[in-house]
């Protein structure tokens, strides 16, 4: 019965979601080209606030726990598990005070209204996963960026989304570069739950009635900590908060 009901609700969701992307694309362009970074960021924040609200059409509210733990005035490396594309808008909206930037595959840098524009112009980096010679300097660049501006980089060390919610083994390569070139950073582990259930049937229809939760675990400074310990602490913190 729920799956039958999900067909019209999924169509309505995609209509609302798509309209938000289309409407905010020119708004982003104007904000960025006329008023600069801060105005562009506010337009991106507003867009992602609406995208989070679109999930209510599916009966899937978002709860973000622990924002009071976010360090202030320091670079931040947000380390999270990855369950679906619906992980992204809540992170952008609820963590907007720390200016989250993303490491994304280059394919997302074109063809998607609003999303592609923000990835290209919002301080994010696009990498070619098949070309380490391009990817490593790009990650190095975003690490130096957050170190200089006291902003945050988001990394999903699993590499690909978990289709069942079960966490995959974290890869160390990207996180190691971020830590090396942003030595003043704090690790902020984030455990994401139930995002995968939105796409458990695939892209259509979508799952209904899932409360998405994002929990910020205890942040810690990476200074003077061996990377192996940083990696272990970050992975353990994220994984212990995943409940499937």
Protein backbone atom coordinates (compact mmCIF):
# COMPACT_ATOMS: atom_id res chain seq x y z
CA UNK A 1 0.00 0.00 0.00
CA UNK A 2 2.81 2.40 0.94
CA UNK A 3 4.58 1.73 -2.35
CA UNK A 4 1.39 2.46 -4.32
CA UNK A 5 0.93 5.74 -2.44
CA UNK A 6 4.56 6.63 -3.05
CA UNK A 7 4.05 6.97 -6.83
CA UNK A 8 1.98 10.20 -6.78
CA UNK A 9 3.91 11.58 -3.80
CA UNK A 10 7.24 10.87 -5.52
CA UNK A 11 6.04 12.68 -8.64
CA UNK A 12 4.98 15.66 -6.52
CA UNK A 13 8.30 15.60 -4.68
CA UNK A 14 10.33 15.62 -7.89
CA UNK A 15 8.21 18.46 -9.26
CA UNK A 16 8.81 20.58 -6.15
CA UNK A 17 12.49 19.61 -5.93
CA UNK A 18 13.06 20.36 -9.61
CA UNK A 19 11.25 23.71 -9.46
CA UNK A 20 13.49 24.78 -6.59
CA UNK A 21 16.59 23.94 -8.62
CA UNK A 22 15.36 25.73 -11.73
CA UNK A 23 14.17 28.85 -9.90
CA UNK A 24 17.34 29.25 -7.85
CA UNK A 25 19.74 28.78 -10.77
CA UNK A 26 19.37 32.38 -12.05
CA UNK A 27 19.15 33.65 -8.47
CA UNK A 28 22.53 32.07 -7.76
CA UNK A 29 23.99 33.56 -10.94
CA UNK A 30 22.84 37.06 -10.03
CA UNK A 31 24.00 36.75 -6.43
CA UNK A 32 27.43 35.48 -7.41
CA UNK A 33 28.13 37.78 -10.35
CA UNK A 34 26.59 40.96 -8.97
CA UNK A 35 26.96 40.74 -5.19
CA UNK A 36 29.74 38.19 -4.59
CA UNK A 37 30.44 35.22 -2.35
CA UNK A 38 28.31 36.07 0.70
CA UNK A 39 25.17 36.75 -1.33
CA UNK A 40 25.73 33.59 -3.34
CA UNK A 41 26.12 31.57 -0.15
CA UNK A 42 22.85 32.95 1.22
CA UNK A 43 21.07 31.93 -1.98
CA UNK A 44 22.52 28.41 -1.69
CA UNK A 45 21.47 28.22 1.96
CA UNK A 46 17.93 29.30 1.09
CA UNK A 47 17.74 26.75 -1.72
CA UNK A 48 18.83 23.90 0.51
CA UNK A 49 16.41 24.95 3.24
CA UNK A 50 13.62 24.45 0.69
CA UNK A 51 15.08 21.16 -0.54
CA UNK A 52 15.02 19.86 3.04
CA UNK A 53 11.39 20.93 3.31
CA UNK A 54 10.59 19.08 0.07
CA UNK A 55 11.31 15.83 1.92
CA UNK A 56 8.20 16.50 4.01
CA UNK A 57 6.18 15.65 0.90
CA UNK A 58 7.50 12.11 1.38
CA UNK A 59 6.69 12.20 5.10
CA UNK A 60 10.43 12.30 5.81
CA UNK A 61 11.41 15.05 8.25
CA UNK A 62 15.07 15.81 8.98
CA UNK A 63 16.48 16.04 12.49
CA UNK A 64 19.98 17.44 13.00
CA UNK A 65 21.47 16.74 16.43
CA UNK A 66 24.48 18.32 18.10
CA UNK A 67 25.02 21.55 16.20
CA UNK A 68 26.06 23.21 19.45
CA UNK A 69 29.23 21.07 19.30
CA UNK A 70 30.51 22.75 16.13
CA UNK A 71 33.87 24.47 16.74
CA UNK A 72 33.99 28.16 15.84
CA UNK A 73 36.78 30.11 14.16
CA UNK A 74 38.78 27.08 13.03
CA UNK A 75 38.97 25.00 9.86
CA UNK A 76 36.72 21.94 10.01
CA UNK A 77 36.80 18.58 8.26
CA UNK A 78 33.31 17.05 8.32
CA UNK A 79 33.60 13.25 8.07
CA UNK A 80 30.34 11.41 7.41
CA UNK A 81 28.91 8.17 6.11
CA UNK A 82 27.08 8.48 2.80
CA UNK A 83 23.65 6.95 2.11
CA UNK A 84 22.03 9.00 -0.67
CA UNK A 85 22.02 12.35 -2.46
CA UNK A 86 19.61 13.52 0.23
CA UNK A 87 22.54 13.68 2.66
CA UNK A 88 23.70 16.89 0.98
CA UNK A 89 20.93 19.52 1.49
CA UNK A 90 20.66 18.98 5.28
CA UNK A 91 24.44 19.33 5.69
CA UNK A 92 24.47 22.57 3.68
CA UNK A 93 21.48 24.02 5.53
CA UNK A 94 21.98 22.92 9.12
CA UNK A 95 25.78 23.43 9.06
CA UNK A 96 25.63 26.69 7.10
CA UNK A 97 27.50 28.63 9.80
CA UNK A 98 30.71 26.74 8.97
CA UNK A 99 30.40 27.14 5.17
CA UNK A 100 30.56 23.45 4.16
CA UNK A 101 32.34 22.74 0.85
CA UNK A 102 32.17 19.44 -0.98
CA UNK A 103 34.55 17.18 -2.85
CA UNK A 104 32.40 15.93 -5.74
CA UNK A 105 32.89 13.90 -8.88
CA UNK A 106 33.40 16.04 -11.98
CA UNK A 107 30.28 14.67 -13.69
CA UNK A 108 28.12 16.70 -11.28
CA UNK A 109 29.75 19.93 -12.41
CA UNK A 110 27.51 20.33 -15.43
CA UNK A 111 23.92 19.70 -16.49
CA UNK A 112 22.12 20.02 -13.13
CA UNK A 113 20.42 23.38 -12.49
CA UNK A 114 21.65 25.11 -9.31
CA UNK A 115 23.67 22.08 -8.16
CA UNK A 116 26.28 22.25 -10.92
CA UNK A 117 26.55 26.03 -10.64
CA UNK A 118 27.17 25.88 -6.90
CA UNK A 119 29.74 23.11 -7.28
CA UNK A 120 31.67 25.20 -9.80
CA UNK A 121 31.42 28.59 -8.09
CA UNK A 122 30.76 27.97 -4.39
CA UNK A 123 34.27 26.96 -3.29
CA UNK A 124 33.74 23.23 -3.84
CA UNK A 125 36.09 21.02 -5.87
CA UNK A 126 35.34 18.62 -8.70
CA UNK A 127 37.56 15.59 -9.08
CA UNK A 128 38.07 12.88 -11.65
CA UNK A 129 38.02 9.67 -9.64
CA UNK A 130 39.86 7.89 -12.44
CA UNK A 131 42.71 10.42 -12.46
CA UNK A 132 44.61 10.66 -9.14
CA UNK A 133 46.97 13.22 -10.69
CA UNK A 134 44.03 15.62 -10.95
CA UNK A 135 42.18 14.59 -7.80
CA UNK A 136 45.00 14.91 -5.28
CA UNK A 137 45.94 18.55 -6.09
CA UNK A 138 42.22 19.46 -6.08
CA UNK A 139 41.76 18.04 -2.58
CA UNK A 140 44.98 19.76 -1.52
CA UNK A 141 43.51 23.02 -2.78
CA UNK A 142 40.32 22.76 -0.75
CA UNK A 143 42.37 21.85 2.33
CA UNK A 144 44.43 25.03 1.95
CA UNK A 145 41.21 26.97 1.35
CA UNK A 146 39.56 25.88 4.61
CA UNK A 147 42.84 26.41 6.48
CA UNK A 148 43.05 30.00 5.22
CA UNK A 149 39.38 30.96 5.61
CA UNK A 150 38.34 28.85 8.65
CA UNK A 151 35.63 27.07 6.67
CA UNK A 152 34.76 23.40 6.35
CA UNK A 153 35.25 20.58 3.89
CA UNK A 154 32.88 17.62 3.75
CA UNK A 155 34.29 14.21 2.93
CA UNK A 156 32.53 10.86 2.62
CA UNK A 157 35.41 8.41 3.11
CA UNK A 158 33.31 5.41 2.07
CA UNK A 159 33.74 6.68 -1.48
CA UNK A 160 30.33 5.49 -2.69
CA UNK A 161 26.87 5.54 -1.15
CA UNK A 162 25.72 2.68 1.01
CA UNK A 163 22.52 1.27 -0.49
CA UNK A 164 21.57 -0.57 2.70
CA UNK A 165 22.76 1.86 5.36
CA UNK A 166 25.53 -0.50 6.42
CA UNK A 167 28.77 1.52 6.61
CA UNK A 168 31.57 0.61 4.24
CA UNK A 169 35.25 0.63 5.12
CA UNK A 170 36.62 4.17 5.12
CA UNK A 171 39.33 5.04 2.60
CA UNK A 172 42.13 7.19 3.99
CA UNK A 173 43.49 8.95 0.88
CA UNK A 174 41.31 12.08 0.74
CA UNK A 175 41.13 12.54 4.49
CA UNK A 176 44.91 12.20 4.78
CA UNK A 177 45.47 15.05 2.33
CA UNK A 178 42.92 17.26 4.08
CA UNK A 179 44.62 16.70 7.42
CA UNK A 180 48.09 17.34 6.00
CA UNK A 181 47.23 20.66 4.38
CA UNK A 182 44.75 21.91 7.00
CA UNK A 183 46.80 21.16 10.14
CA UNK A 184 44.72 23.45 12.37
CA UNK A 185 41.50 21.64 11.52
CA UNK A 186 39.06 19.89 13.80
CA UNK A 187 37.44 16.63 12.72
CA UNK A 188 33.65 16.75 13.06
CA UNK A 189 32.23 13.21 12.69
CA UNK A 190 28.61 13.04 11.48
CA UNK A 191 26.48 9.88 11.59
CA UNK A 192 23.67 9.78 9.01
CA UNK A 193 20.69 7.49 9.43
CA UNK A 194 17.73 6.52 7.20
CA UNK A 195 18.72 8.58 4.17
CA UNK A 196 19.15 5.34 2.21
CA UNK A 197 15.52 4.41 2.87
CA UNK A 198 14.37 7.31 0.70
CA UNK A 199 15.85 5.49 -2.32
CA UNK A 200 15.38 1.91 -1.19
CA UNK A 201 13.13 1.20 -4.23
CA UNK A 202 15.45 3.12 -6.54
CA UNK A 203 14.96 6.63 -7.87
CA UNK A 204 11.22 6.05 -8.47
CA UNK A 205 9.12 5.57 -6.51
CA UNK A 206 10.75 6.93 -3.37
CA UNK A 207 10.36 5.56 0.14
CA UNK A 208 7.89 7.24 2.47
CA UNK A 209 7.79 8.01 6.17
CA UNK A 210 11.47 7.95 7.07
CA UNK A 211 12.91 10.29 9.70
CA UNK A 212 16.37 11.28 8.51
CA UNK A 213 18.75 11.93 11.40
CA UNK A 214 22.15 13.59 11.33
CA UNK A 215 24.12 13.38 14.56
CA UNK A 216 27.30 15.37 15.17
CA UNK A 217 29.62 13.29 17.29
CA UNK A 218 32.35 14.78 19.50
CA UNK A 219 34.74 16.96 17.44
CA UNK A 220 38.48 16.75 18.03
CA UNK A 221 41.57 18.67 16.92
CA UNK A 222 43.99 16.83 14.65
CA UNK A 223 47.06 18.78 15.75
CA UNK A 224 49.82 16.55 17.17
CA UNK A 225 47.78 13.37 16.60
CA UNK A 226 49.20 10.70 14.25
CA UNK A 227 47.03 10.32 11.17
CA UNK A 228 46.34 6.64 11.91
CA UNK A 229 44.75 7.66 15.19
CA UNK A 230 42.78 10.46 13.50
CA UNK A 231 41.46 7.97 10.96
CA UNK A 232 40.48 5.40 13.57
CA UNK A 233 38.80 7.94 15.85
CA UNK A 234 36.85 9.52 13.01
CA UNK A 235 35.64 6.21 11.57
CA UNK A 236 34.69 4.78 14.96
CA UNK A 237 32.80 7.94 15.91
CA UNK A 238 30.78 7.93 12.69
CA UNK A 239 30.05 4.20 12.71
CA UNK A 240 28.97 3.99 16.35
CA UNK A 241 26.18 6.45 15.59
CA UNK A 242 24.75 4.49 12.62
CA UNK A 243 21.61 2.58 13.55
CA UNK A 244 20.07 0.27 10.95
